[in-house]
């Protein structure tokens, strides 16, 4: 099912959006990562995901579309009990993926602003991302961070010692695409 989703995602982008001089760059899962940082008044923690899928489409050497997706279950905080609780809170059996689709790009001196939609916990939100953009002949690197609020995606914040966790997740990423 996972491969079928990615194949559909890839072909929908490539078949319906390609024009002359288009270039498809595939995300290198072995080199790329996404992390999150979360806080509670008593402690903070982070999780790492290195199992990401994605495609970046360039047209006339400029980015025009991006799709990145990952399974919620692939985030690892180093604490299996915390990860298990997170899967329950995020309803990962019902909403197994987090995805981002960008179609509006503004490239200026190795800074890239992307406007797109993030789908998380079954909710789709417009999210603007500011990222660094490094392109060579063999790879494109997008690197940066953003803050999302779980409550914006109708996620009930967990409570520990009668206090909810902070309603901010800091997302850090380094996405490396190869053609």
Protein backbone atom coordinates (compact mmCIF):
# COMPACT_ATOMS: atom_id res chain seq x y z
CA UNK A 1 0.00 0.00 0.00
CA UNK A 2 2.85 2.35 0.87
CA UNK A 3 4.59 1.78 -2.46
CA UNK A 4 1.29 2.14 -4.31
CA UNK A 5 0.74 5.55 -2.69
CA UNK A 6 4.22 6.76 -3.61
CA UNK A 7 3.94 5.44 -7.18
CA UNK A 8 0.58 7.20 -7.58
CA UNK A 9 2.04 10.40 -6.11
CA UNK A 10 5.08 10.26 -8.40
CA UNK A 11 3.11 9.53 -11.57
CA UNK A 12 0.42 12.11 -10.84
CA UNK A 13 3.10 14.78 -10.56
CA UNK A 14 5.11 13.62 -13.54
CA UNK A 15 2.33 12.70 -15.97
CA UNK A 16 0.07 15.68 -15.48
CA UNK A 17 2.51 18.46 -14.82
CA UNK A 18 5.47 17.96 -17.09
CA UNK A 19 6.21 20.43 -19.78
CA UNK A 20 9.19 20.91 -22.00
CA UNK A 21 12.53 21.01 -20.14
CA UNK A 22 11.19 19.33 -16.97
CA UNK A 23 13.52 17.48 -14.64
CA UNK A 24 12.52 15.05 -11.89
CA UNK A 25 14.71 14.85 -8.79
CA UNK A 26 14.04 11.95 -6.40
CA UNK A 27 14.59 12.32 -2.66
CA UNK A 28 17.57 10.32 -1.41
CA UNK A 29 16.18 8.60 1.72
CA UNK A 30 19.60 7.43 2.85
CA UNK A 31 20.94 10.97 3.20
CA UNK A 32 17.79 12.94 4.06
CA UNK A 33 16.10 13.39 7.43
CA UNK A 34 13.32 15.16 9.27
CA UNK A 35 13.37 15.75 13.02
CA UNK A 36 10.85 17.18 15.43
CA UNK A 37 11.42 18.83 18.80
CA UNK A 38 8.66 18.94 21.41
CA UNK A 39 8.49 20.38 24.92
CA UNK A 40 6.68 19.93 28.16
CA UNK A 41 7.32 22.12 31.16
CA UNK A 42 9.23 19.21 32.80
CA UNK A 43 11.22 17.93 29.82
CA UNK A 44 11.82 18.14 26.10
CA UNK A 45 12.43 15.47 23.47
CA UNK A 46 13.02 15.00 19.78
CA UNK A 47 12.41 12.37 17.14
CA UNK A 48 14.18 11.47 13.90
CA UNK A 49 12.83 10.11 10.63
CA UNK A 50 15.17 8.91 7.88
CA UNK A 51 12.53 7.05 5.87
CA UNK A 52 11.16 9.84 3.71
CA UNK A 53 9.88 9.71 0.14
CA UNK A 54 9.67 12.63 -2.24
CA UNK A 55 10.09 14.20 -5.64
CA UNK A 56 11.12 17.69 -6.73
CA UNK A 57 10.25 18.82 -10.25
CA UNK A 58 12.28 21.50 -11.97
CA UNK A 59 11.25 23.28 -15.12
CA UNK A 60 13.86 25.26 -17.03
CA UNK A 61 16.16 24.72 -14.02
CA UNK A 62 13.68 26.27 -11.52
CA UNK A 63 11.63 24.31 -8.93
CA UNK A 64 7.93 24.12 -9.80
CA UNK A 65 6.55 21.25 -7.67
CA UNK A 66 7.54 19.26 -4.61
CA UNK A 67 5.95 16.33 -2.82
CA UNK A 68 7.35 14.85 0.39
CA UNK A 69 5.70 12.16 2.50
CA UNK A 70 6.56 9.99 5.46
CA UNK A 71 4.91 7.54 7.79
CA UNK A 72 4.21 8.79 11.31
CA UNK A 73 5.45 5.44 12.64
CA UNK A 74 8.94 6.08 11.22
CA UNK A 75 9.70 8.87 13.73
CA UNK A 76 11.96 7.57 16.50
CA UNK A 77 12.50 9.48 19.74
CA UNK A 78 14.71 6.80 21.26
CA UNK A 79 11.98 5.95 23.78
CA UNK A 80 9.65 3.17 22.60
CA UNK A 81 7.01 3.99 25.24
CA UNK A 82 6.89 7.65 24.13
CA UNK A 83 6.74 6.64 20.48
CA UNK A 84 3.91 4.20 21.19
CA UNK A 85 1.95 6.92 23.01
CA UNK A 86 2.60 9.33 20.13
CA UNK A 87 1.22 6.83 17.62
CA UNK A 88 -1.93 6.54 19.71
CA UNK A 89 -2.33 10.32 20.17
CA UNK A 90 -1.72 10.94 16.46
CA UNK A 91 -4.10 8.11 15.51
CA UNK A 92 -1.45 6.69 13.22
CA UNK A 93 -3.60 3.71 12.27
CA UNK A 94 -6.23 6.08 10.85
CA UNK A 95 -3.85 8.82 9.65
CA UNK A 96 -0.57 7.02 8.92
CA UNK A 97 1.26 9.75 6.95
CA UNK A 98 2.32 13.34 7.02
CA UNK A 99 2.72 14.90 3.56
CA UNK A 100 3.66 18.21 2.02
CA UNK A 101 2.83 19.33 -1.53
CA UNK A 102 4.26 22.62 -2.78
CA UNK A 103 3.40 24.34 -6.06
CA UNK A 104 4.41 27.99 -5.58
CA UNK A 105 8.11 28.82 -5.44
CA UNK A 106 10.13 31.99 -5.08
CA UNK A 107 13.88 31.45 -5.49
CA UNK A 108 16.23 34.29 -4.54
CA UNK A 109 19.99 33.84 -3.96
CA UNK A 110 19.91 30.28 -2.57
CA UNK A 111 16.82 31.06 -0.47
CA UNK A 112 13.63 29.31 -1.52
CA UNK A 113 10.14 30.20 -0.34
CA UNK A 114 7.61 27.43 -0.94
CA UNK A 115 3.86 27.73 -0.53
CA UNK A 116 1.96 24.50 -0.30
CA UNK A 117 -0.28 22.23 1.71
CA UNK A 118 0.63 19.98 4.60
CA UNK A 119 -1.62 17.04 5.33
CA UNK A 120 -1.30 15.79 8.90
CA UNK A 121 -3.80 13.92 11.06
CA UNK A 122 -6.33 14.07 8.22
CA UNK A 123 -6.26 17.89 8.11
CA UNK A 124 -4.85 19.89 5.22
CA UNK A 125 -3.36 23.32 5.95
CA UNK A 126 -1.59 25.93 3.85
CA UNK A 127 2.01 26.10 5.04
CA UNK A 128 4.73 28.43 3.77
CA UNK A 129 8.29 27.15 4.12
CA UNK A 130 11.47 29.17 3.91
CA UNK A 131 14.43 26.95 3.08
CA UNK A 132 17.98 27.14 1.86
CA UNK A 133 18.46 25.86 -1.69
CA UNK A 134 21.76 24.43 -2.91
CA UNK A 135 21.93 22.94 -6.38
CA UNK A 136 24.78 21.14 -8.07
CA UNK A 137 24.75 18.88 -11.11
CA UNK A 138 24.19 15.77 -8.97
CA UNK A 139 22.02 16.95 -6.10
CA UNK A 140 19.71 19.58 -4.67
CA UNK A 141 19.71 20.20 -0.92
CA UNK A 142 16.81 21.85 0.91
CA UNK A 143 17.59 22.64 4.54
CA UNK A 144 15.68 24.54 7.19
CA UNK A 145 13.05 24.44 9.89
CA UNK A 146 9.49 25.45 10.61
CA UNK A 147 7.09 25.44 13.53
CA UNK A 148 3.71 23.74 13.41
CA UNK A 149 0.99 23.68 16.04
CA UNK A 150 -0.50 20.23 16.63
CA UNK A 151 -3.79 21.85 17.68
CA UNK A 152 -4.10 23.34 14.16
CA UNK A 153 -4.41 19.73 12.98
CA UNK A 154 -7.01 18.84 15.64
CA UNK A 155 -4.52 16.85 17.70
CA UNK A 156 -5.35 16.66 21.39
CA UNK A 157 -2.19 17.60 23.26
CA UNK A 158 -1.01 14.99 25.78
CA UNK A 159 -1.08 15.84 29.48
CA UNK A 160 1.62 14.89 31.97
CA UNK A 161 1.43 15.88 35.66
CA UNK A 162 -1.77 17.85 34.89
CA UNK A 163 0.07 20.04 32.35
CA UNK A 164 -0.30 19.83 28.56
CA UNK A 165 2.74 19.70 26.31
CA UNK A 166 3.56 22.94 24.48
CA UNK A 167 1.54 23.51 21.32
CA UNK A 168 4.62 23.88 19.10
CA UNK A 169 6.60 21.30 17.19
CA UNK A 170 9.87 22.51 15.74
CA UNK A 171 10.49 20.64 12.51
CA UNK A 172 14.08 20.52 11.19
CA UNK A 173 14.88 18.96 7.84
CA UNK A 174 17.56 18.29 5.33
CA UNK A 175 16.17 16.92 2.09
CA UNK A 176 18.63 15.78 -0.57
CA UNK A 177 17.34 15.14 -4.08
CA UNK A 178 19.20 13.37 -6.89
CA UNK A 179 18.28 13.21 -10.59
